[in-house]
Amino acid sequence: MKESARYAKIVEWSEDDQCIAGRSPGLVYGGCHGPDEKAVLEELCQVVEDAIALFHQDGKPLPRQTAAPEVDDVIAPSCMTTALRGDFHFRRPFFFGAPRGRV
């Protein structure tokens, strides 16, 4: 499993910014945004990979994981594949990892 799979990735509509926003709480502050869910998800995955690389480069330990392994193993791989194929309709909010309050 890739290290990035340990971190929740959230893609949702932002009323404040009037666009799709992607974030990975607990790993990066801020995130990415755009008009298209697929593009935001792809960019967010790269942002997470880059953040992990910076932690390693600086010799710092990674933050505690934010995704629940038992949920990711069942949900994320199939959703990720479908989402990246482009035939998945995102719900708002859409979570990769554990939805809030359900773990």
Protein backbone atom coordinates (compact mmCIF):
# COMPACT_ATOMS: atom_id res chain seq x y z
CA MET A 1 0.00 0.00 0.00
CA LYS A 2 1.27 3.46 -0.87
CA GLU A 3 1.92 5.83 2.02
CA SER A 4 -0.54 8.29 0.51
CA ALA A 5 -3.37 5.77 1.04
CA ARG A 6 -3.03 6.40 4.77
CA TYR A 7 -4.43 9.92 4.41
CA ALA A 8 -8.06 10.88 3.79
CA LYS A 9 -8.66 12.86 0.60
CA ILE A 10 -11.81 14.96 0.54
CA VAL A 11 -13.28 16.43 -2.66
CA GLU A 12 -16.32 18.63 -2.17
CA TRP A 13 -18.13 21.74 -3.39
CA SER A 14 -17.01 24.96 -1.69
CA GLU A 15 -19.76 27.55 -1.36
CA ASP A 16 -17.20 30.18 -0.34
CA ASP A 17 -15.03 29.66 -3.42
CA GLN A 18 -17.82 28.55 -5.78
CA CYS A 19 -15.72 25.63 -7.06
CA ILE A 20 -14.72 22.06 -6.24
CA ALA A 21 -12.16 21.94 -3.42
CA GLY A 22 -9.82 19.12 -2.43
CA ARG A 23 -8.10 18.75 0.91
CA SER A 24 -6.30 16.21 3.06
CA PRO A 25 -6.79 17.28 6.67
CA GLY A 26 -4.03 16.34 9.06
CA LEU A 27 -1.40 16.16 6.32
CA VAL A 28 -1.51 19.42 4.37
CA TYR A 29 -2.94 22.82 5.21
CA GLY A 30 -4.96 24.24 2.37
CA GLY A 31 -5.42 22.06 -0.67
CA CYS A 32 -6.39 22.53 -4.29
CA HIS A 33 -9.45 23.63 -6.24
CA GLY A 34 -10.96 23.76 -9.69
CA PRO A 35 -14.17 23.42 -11.71
CA ASP A 36 -13.88 19.63 -12.31
CA GLU A 37 -14.00 16.84 -9.68
CA LYS A 38 -11.70 14.52 -11.60
CA ALA A 39 -9.00 17.15 -12.08
CA VAL A 40 -9.21 18.22 -8.43
CA LEU A 41 -8.90 14.62 -7.25
CA GLU A 42 -5.88 14.00 -9.48
CA GLU A 43 -4.22 17.22 -8.28
CA LEU A 44 -5.02 16.41 -4.64
CA CYS A 45 -3.40 12.98 -4.98
CA GLN A 46 -0.27 14.68 -6.30
CA VAL A 47 -0.34 17.27 -3.49
CA VAL A 48 -0.46 14.43 -0.94
CA GLU A 49 2.42 12.58 -2.64
CA ASP A 50 4.49 15.79 -2.71
CA ALA A 51 3.78 16.52 0.97
CA ILE A 52 4.89 13.02 1.97
CA ALA A 53 8.07 13.42 -0.09
CA LEU A 54 8.83 16.71 1.71
CA PHE A 55 8.40 15.07 5.13
CA HIS A 56 10.90 12.37 4.08
CA GLN A 57 13.29 14.92 2.56
CA ASP A 58 13.29 16.96 5.78
CA GLY A 59 13.73 13.82 7.91
CA LYS A 60 10.49 14.49 9.77
CA PRO A 61 8.03 11.77 10.81
CA LEU A 62 4.75 11.62 8.93
CA PRO A 63 1.62 12.81 10.75
CA ARG A 64 -0.75 10.19 12.13
CA GLN A 65 -2.84 8.59 9.40
CA THR A 66 -6.28 10.08 8.81
CA ALA A 67 -7.83 7.28 6.76
CA ALA A 68 -9.23 4.17 8.42
CA PRO A 69 -7.53 1.10 6.89
CA GLU A 70 -10.60 -1.11 7.16
CA VAL A 71 -12.64 1.44 5.18
CA ASP A 72 -9.95 2.22 2.61
CA ASP A 73 -9.36 -1.43 1.77
CA VAL A 74 -13.02 -1.84 0.85
CA ILE A 75 -14.06 1.56 -0.53
CA ALA A 76 -11.15 3.66 -1.80
CA PRO A 77 -9.57 1.35 -4.41
CA SER A 78 -12.84 0.73 -6.28
CA CYS A 79 -13.99 4.36 -5.98
CA MET A 80 -10.58 5.69 -7.01
CA THR A 81 -10.50 3.49 -10.11
CA THR A 82 -14.03 4.49 -11.06
CA ALA A 83 -13.43 8.18 -10.33
CA LEU A 84 -10.29 8.31 -12.43
CA ARG A 85 -12.05 6.57 -15.33
CA GLY A 86 -14.42 9.53 -15.30
CA ASP A 87 -17.71 7.65 -15.06
CA PHE A 88 -18.33 8.27 -11.37
CA HIS A 89 -20.67 10.97 -10.14
CA PHE A 90 -19.32 12.56 -6.98
CA ARG A 91 -21.58 13.15 -4.05
CA ARG A 92 -20.93 16.21 -1.94
CA PRO A 93 -18.95 15.72 0.23
CA PHE A 94 -17.09 12.68 -1.11
CA PHE A 95 -14.56 11.00 1.13
CA PHE A 96 -11.63 8.71 0.43
CA GLY A 97 -11.13 7.24 3.83
CA ALA A 98 -13.39 7.30 6.79
CA PRO A 99 -16.42 9.60 6.70
CA ARG A 100 -16.55 11.81 9.75
CA GLY A 101 -18.21 10.23 12.75
CA ARG A 102 -18.47 6.73 11.33
CA VAL A 103 -15.30 5.10 12.61
